[in-house]
């Protein structure tokens, strides 16, 4: 067991857990942040994607010891004062989900992509979202949502 200082969604927290426990387990089972989903447990599906210092990261593969001291953002931490981000708005507007299980991970991956590439081409969107799996097959709507989010962000968060 170890004491780890975490910054999650702008809050400073202390957890006393084994260093090899995954960030996903700490988020879901110890902190009640269940928006981050458990998918494959092998880093292949992207359902557990969070932002670690702004970078899309698979929480199921990240030991808490490696996440300590980093700025962690989960899906719960994106909206601010009741206002959704352009990515969240665009996913809603485009209906870029069906069952919704992958949605949080997709939104986190898209957020990371758009923070690095403001106006991505379709090829860049596909490459940036590669590794996030949607079993319902809503990929065309996901690509459209990322395009829309890019336009919305360029216009100050509006359509």
C-alpha atoms as a PDB file:
ATOM      1  CA  UNK A   1       0.000   0.000   0.000  1.00  0.00           C
ATOM      2  CA  UNK A   2       1.112   3.483  -0.772  1.00  0.00           C
ATOM      3  CA  UNK A   3      -0.187   7.005  -0.350  1.00  0.00           C
ATOM      4  CA  UNK A   4      -0.655   8.746  -3.716  1.00  0.00           C
ATOM      5  CA  UNK A   5      -1.521  12.381  -4.393  1.00  0.00           C
ATOM      6  CA  UNK A   6      -3.836  12.771  -7.354  1.00  0.00           C
ATOM      7  CA  UNK A   7      -5.256  15.736  -9.233  1.00  0.00           C
ATOM      8  CA  UNK A   8      -8.545  14.567 -10.708  1.00  0.00           C
ATOM      9  CA  UNK A   9     -10.902  16.955 -12.462  1.00  0.00           C
ATOM     10  CA  UNK A  10      -9.303  19.899 -10.697  1.00  0.00           C
ATOM     11  CA  UNK A  11      -9.529  18.373  -7.224  1.00  0.00           C
ATOM     12  CA  UNK A  12      -6.576  17.260  -5.139  1.00  0.00           C
ATOM     13  CA  UNK A  13      -7.104  13.833  -3.602  1.00  0.00           C
ATOM     14  CA  UNK A  14      -5.114  11.345  -1.573  1.00  0.00           C
ATOM     15  CA  UNK A  15      -5.555   7.602  -2.010  1.00  0.00           C
ATOM     16  CA  UNK A  16      -3.959   4.775  -0.083  1.00  0.00           C
ATOM     17  CA  UNK A  17      -3.752   1.871  -2.547  1.00  0.00           C
ATOM     18  CA  UNK A  18      -1.254  -0.645  -3.903  1.00  0.00           C
ATOM     19  CA  UNK A  19       1.019   1.044  -6.465  1.00  0.00           C
ATOM     20  CA  UNK A  20       0.156  -1.501  -9.146  1.00  0.00           C
ATOM     21  CA  UNK A  21      -3.606  -0.911  -8.870  1.00  0.00           C
ATOM     22  CA  UNK A  22      -4.809   0.584 -12.127  1.00  0.00           C
ATOM     23  CA  UNK A  23      -5.987   4.136 -12.501  1.00  0.00           C
ATOM     24  CA  UNK A  24      -9.248   2.708 -13.846  1.00  0.00           C
ATOM     25  CA  UNK A  25      -9.828   0.698 -10.670  1.00  0.00           C
ATOM     26  CA  UNK A  26      -9.070   3.693  -8.447  1.00  0.00           C
ATOM     27  CA  UNK A  27     -11.394   5.965 -10.451  1.00  0.00           C
ATOM     28  CA  UNK A  28     -14.315   3.555 -10.575  1.00  0.00           C
ATOM     29  CA  UNK A  29     -14.047   1.477  -7.416  1.00  0.00           C
ATOM     30  CA  UNK A  30     -12.481   3.840  -4.912  1.00  0.00           C
ATOM     31  CA  UNK A  31     -13.578   7.296  -6.089  1.00  0.00           C
ATOM     32  CA  UNK A  32     -16.970   6.499  -7.661  1.00  0.00           C
ATOM     33  CA  UNK A  33     -16.090   8.113 -11.007  1.00  0.00           C
ATOM     34  CA  UNK A  34     -17.887   5.538 -13.127  1.00  0.00           C
ATOM     35  CA  UNK A  35     -18.035   7.484 -16.394  1.00  0.00           C
ATOM     36  CA  UNK A  36     -14.719   5.892 -17.323  1.00  0.00           C
ATOM     37  CA  UNK A  37     -15.674   2.404 -18.471  1.00  0.00           C
ATOM     38  CA  UNK A  38     -14.012  -0.977 -18.176  1.00  0.00           C
ATOM     39  CA  UNK A  39     -13.977  -2.533 -21.636  1.00  0.00           C
ATOM     40  CA  UNK A  40     -11.333  -5.082 -22.543  1.00  0.00           C
ATOM     41  CA  UNK A  41      -8.863  -4.504 -19.706  1.00  0.00           C
ATOM     42  CA  UNK A  42      -6.025  -4.739 -22.234  1.00  0.00           C
ATOM     43  CA  UNK A  43      -5.852  -1.192 -23.630  1.00  0.00           C
ATOM     44  CA  UNK A  44      -7.321  -2.226 -26.968  1.00  0.00           C
ATOM     45  CA  UNK A  45     -10.864  -0.792 -26.924  1.00  0.00           C
ATOM     46  CA  UNK A  46     -10.464   2.736 -25.530  1.00  0.00           C
ATOM     47  CA  UNK A  47     -13.531   2.651 -23.247  1.00  0.00           C
ATOM     48  CA  UNK A  48     -11.295   3.598 -20.309  1.00  0.00           C
ATOM     49  CA  UNK A  49      -9.663   6.614 -21.982  1.00  0.00           C
ATOM     50  CA  UNK A  50      -8.898   9.571 -19.711  1.00  0.00           C
ATOM     51  CA  UNK A  51      -6.647  12.573 -20.153  1.00  0.00           C
ATOM     52  CA  UNK A  52      -3.347  12.350 -18.315  1.00  0.00           C
ATOM     53  CA  UNK A  53      -1.579  15.706 -18.603  1.00  0.00           C
ATOM     54  CA  UNK A  54      -3.772  16.367 -21.638  1.00  0.00           C
ATOM     55  CA  UNK A  55      -2.900  13.133 -23.450  1.00  0.00           C
ATOM     56  CA  UNK A  56      -5.422  10.379 -24.152  1.00  0.00           C
ATOM     57  CA  UNK A  57      -4.381   7.496 -21.885  1.00  0.00           C
ATOM     58  CA  UNK A  58      -5.782   4.018 -21.284  1.00  0.00           C
ATOM     59  CA  UNK A  59      -6.630   3.957 -17.569  1.00  0.00           C
ATOM     60  CA  UNK A  60      -6.822   0.149 -17.535  1.00  0.00           C
ATOM     61  CA  UNK A  61      -3.095  -0.053 -18.307  1.00  0.00           C
ATOM     62  CA  UNK A  62      -1.892   2.824 -16.129  1.00  0.00           C
ATOM     63  CA  UNK A  63      -0.772   1.925 -12.616  1.00  0.00           C
ATOM     64  CA  UNK A  64      -1.777   4.516 -10.056  1.00  0.00           C
ATOM     65  CA  UNK A  65       1.894   4.961  -9.194  1.00  0.00           C
ATOM     66  CA  UNK A  66       2.488   6.315 -12.734  1.00  0.00           C
ATOM     67  CA  UNK A  67      -0.537   8.635 -12.572  1.00  0.00           C
ATOM     68  CA  UNK A  68       0.369  10.224  -9.246  1.00  0.00           C
ATOM     69  CA  UNK A  69       1.251  13.873  -9.640  1.00  0.00           C
ATOM     70  CA  UNK A  70      -0.260  14.109 -13.131  1.00  0.00           C
ATOM     71  CA  UNK A  71      -3.296  16.176 -14.035  1.00  0.00           C
ATOM     72  CA  UNK A  72      -6.059  13.622 -14.631  1.00  0.00           C
ATOM     73  CA  UNK A  73      -9.316  14.509 -16.371  1.00  0.00           C
ATOM     74  CA  UNK A  74     -12.210  12.079 -16.696  1.00  0.00           C
ATOM     75  CA  UNK A  75     -15.464  12.489 -18.598  1.00  0.00           C
ATOM     76  CA  UNK A  76     -16.997  13.875 -15.400  1.00  0.00           C
ATOM     77  CA  UNK A  77     -14.469  16.713 -15.429  1.00  0.00           C
ATOM     78  CA  UNK A  78     -15.109  18.075 -18.922  1.00  0.00           C
ATOM     79  CA  UNK A  79     -18.278  20.130 -18.429  1.00  0.00           C
ATOM     80  CA  UNK A  80     -17.781  23.336 -16.519  1.00  0.00           C
ATOM     81  CA  UNK A  81     -20.549  25.122 -14.623  1.00  0.00           C
ATOM     82  CA  UNK A  82     -23.208  23.111 -16.429  1.00  0.00           C
ATOM     83  CA  UNK A  83     -21.775  23.900 -19.870  1.00  0.00           C
ATOM     84  CA  UNK A  84     -20.690  21.035 -22.097  1.00  0.00           C
ATOM     85  CA  UNK A  85     -17.531  21.252 -24.186  1.00  0.00           C
ATOM     86  CA  UNK A  86     -17.792  21.569 -27.975  1.00  0.00           C
ATOM     87  CA  UNK A  87     -16.854  17.872 -28.271  1.00  0.00           C
ATOM     88  CA  UNK A  88     -19.671  16.810 -25.932  1.00  0.00           C
ATOM     89  CA  UNK A  89     -22.144  19.098 -27.729  1.00  0.00           C
ATOM     90  CA  UNK A  90     -21.085  17.778 -31.131  1.00  0.00           C
ATOM     91  CA  UNK A  91     -21.441  14.137 -30.064  1.00  0.00           C
ATOM     92  CA  UNK A  92     -24.988  14.911 -28.923  1.00  0.00           C
ATOM     93  CA  UNK A  93     -25.871  16.887 -32.035  1.00  0.00           C
ATOM     94  CA  UNK A  94     -24.511  14.233 -34.413  1.00  0.00           C
ATOM     95  CA  UNK A  95     -25.958  11.317 -32.423  1.00  0.00           C
ATOM     96  CA  UNK A  96     -22.457   9.849 -32.388  1.00  0.00           C
ATOM     97  CA  UNK A  97     -23.388   6.970 -30.126  1.00  0.00           C
ATOM     98  CA  UNK A  98     -25.884   4.181 -29.955  1.00  0.00           C
ATOM     99  CA  UNK A  99     -25.535   2.063 -26.837  1.00  0.00           C
ATOM    100  CA  UNK A 100     -23.230   4.701 -25.315  1.00  0.00           C
ATOM    101  CA  UNK A 101     -20.694   2.393 -23.722  1.00  0.00           C
ATOM    102  CA  UNK A 102     -17.769   3.722 -25.775  1.00  0.00           C
ATOM    103  CA  UNK A 103     -18.908   7.350 -25.733  1.00  0.00           C
ATOM    104  CA  UNK A 104     -16.879   8.611 -22.760  1.00  0.00           C
ATOM    105  CA  UNK A 105     -13.676   7.133 -24.167  1.00  0.00           C
ATOM    106  CA  UNK A 106     -14.459   8.494 -27.628  1.00  0.00           C
ATOM    107  CA  UNK A 107     -15.087  11.979 -26.236  1.00  0.00           C
ATOM    108  CA  UNK A 108     -11.846  11.908 -24.257  1.00  0.00           C
ATOM    109  CA  UNK A 109      -9.862  10.736 -27.320  1.00  0.00           C
ATOM    110  CA  UNK A 110     -11.504  13.430 -29.483  1.00  0.00           C
ATOM    111  CA  UNK A 111     -10.750  16.064 -26.835  1.00  0.00           C
ATOM    112  CA  UNK A 112      -7.084  15.070 -26.847  1.00  0.00           C
ATOM    113  CA  UNK A 113      -6.973  15.022 -30.648  1.00  0.00           C
ATOM    114  CA  UNK A 114      -8.510  18.489 -30.959  1.00  0.00           C
ATOM    115  CA  UNK A 115      -6.181  19.934 -28.336  1.00  0.00           C
ATOM    116  CA  UNK A 116      -3.251  18.864 -30.517  1.00  0.00           C
ATOM    117  CA  UNK A 117      -4.782  19.410 -33.987  1.00  0.00           C
ATOM    118  CA  UNK A 118      -7.308  22.242 -34.162  1.00  0.00           C
ATOM    119  CA  UNK A 119      -8.607  21.550 -37.673  1.00  0.00           C
ATOM    120  CA  UNK A 120      -7.920  17.882 -38.411  1.00  0.00           C
ATOM    121  CA  UNK A 121      -8.468  16.301 -41.807  1.00  0.00           C
ATOM    122  CA  UNK A 122     -10.629  13.192 -42.046  1.00  0.00           C
ATOM    123  CA  UNK A 123      -7.464  11.085 -42.162  1.00  0.00           C
ATOM    124  CA  UNK A 124      -6.179  12.761 -38.992  1.00  0.00           C
ATOM    125  CA  UNK A 125      -9.514  12.177 -37.249  1.00  0.00           C
ATOM    126  CA  UNK A 126      -9.519   8.502 -38.219  1.00  0.00           C
ATOM    127  CA  UNK A 127      -5.897   8.108 -37.094  1.00  0.00           C
ATOM    128  CA  UNK A 128      -6.525  10.017 -33.851  1.00  0.00           C
ATOM    129  CA  UNK A 129      -9.592   7.975 -32.998  1.00  0.00           C
ATOM    130  CA  UNK A 130      -8.042   4.662 -34.068  1.00  0.00           C
ATOM    131  CA  UNK A 131      -7.973   2.287 -31.141  1.00  0.00           C
ATOM    132  CA  UNK A 132     -11.284   3.471 -29.713  1.00  0.00           C
ATOM    133  CA  UNK A 133     -13.783   0.769 -30.584  1.00  0.00           C
ATOM    134  CA  UNK A 134     -17.521   1.262 -31.103  1.00  0.00           C
ATOM    135  CA  UNK A 135     -19.273  -2.092 -31.248  1.00  0.00           C
ATOM    136  CA  UNK A 136     -22.409  -0.391 -32.612  1.00  0.00           C
ATOM    137  CA  UNK A 137     -20.464   0.921 -35.619  1.00  0.00           C
ATOM    138  CA  UNK A 138     -21.284   4.622 -35.357  1.00  0.00           C
ATOM    139  CA  UNK A 139     -17.908   5.586 -36.809  1.00  0.00           C
ATOM    140  CA  UNK A 140     -19.261   7.892 -39.568  1.00  0.00           C
ATOM    141  CA  UNK A 141     -21.197   9.899 -36.959  1.00  0.00           C
ATOM    142  CA  UNK A 142     -18.170   9.974 -34.666  1.00  0.00           C
ATOM    143  CA  UNK A 143     -16.022  11.431 -37.466  1.00  0.00           C
ATOM    144  CA  UNK A 144     -18.739  14.005 -38.187  1.00  0.00           C
ATOM    145  CA  UNK A 145     -18.947  14.879 -34.497  1.00  0.00           C
ATOM    146  CA  UNK A 146     -15.191  15.507 -34.321  1.00  0.00           C
ATOM    147  CA  UNK A 147     -15.417  17.715 -37.440  1.00  0.00           C
ATOM    148  CA  UNK A 148     -18.340  19.633 -35.920  1.00  0.00           C
ATOM    149  CA  UNK A 149     -16.516  20.008 -32.592  1.00  0.00           C
ATOM    150  CA  UNK A 150     -13.518  21.429 -34.441  1.00  0.00           C
ATOM    151  CA  UNK A 151     -15.729  24.021 -36.158  1.00  0.00           C
ATOM    152  CA  UNK A 152     -17.546  24.830 -32.918  1.00  0.00           C
ATOM    153  CA  UNK A 153     -14.283  25.302 -31.012  1.00  0.00           C
ATOM    154  CA  UNK A 154     -12.990  27.618 -33.752  1.00  0.00           C
ATOM    155  CA  UNK A 155     -16.150  29.705 -33.370  1.00  0.00           C
ATOM    156  CA  UNK A 156     -15.870  29.954 -29.602  1.00  0.00           C
ATOM    157  CA  UNK A 157     -17.920  26.881 -28.727  1.00  0.00           C
ATOM    158  CA  UNK A 158     -20.993  27.649 -30.811  1.00  0.00           C
ATOM    159  CA  UNK A 159     -22.290  26.246 -34.046  1.00  0.00           C
END
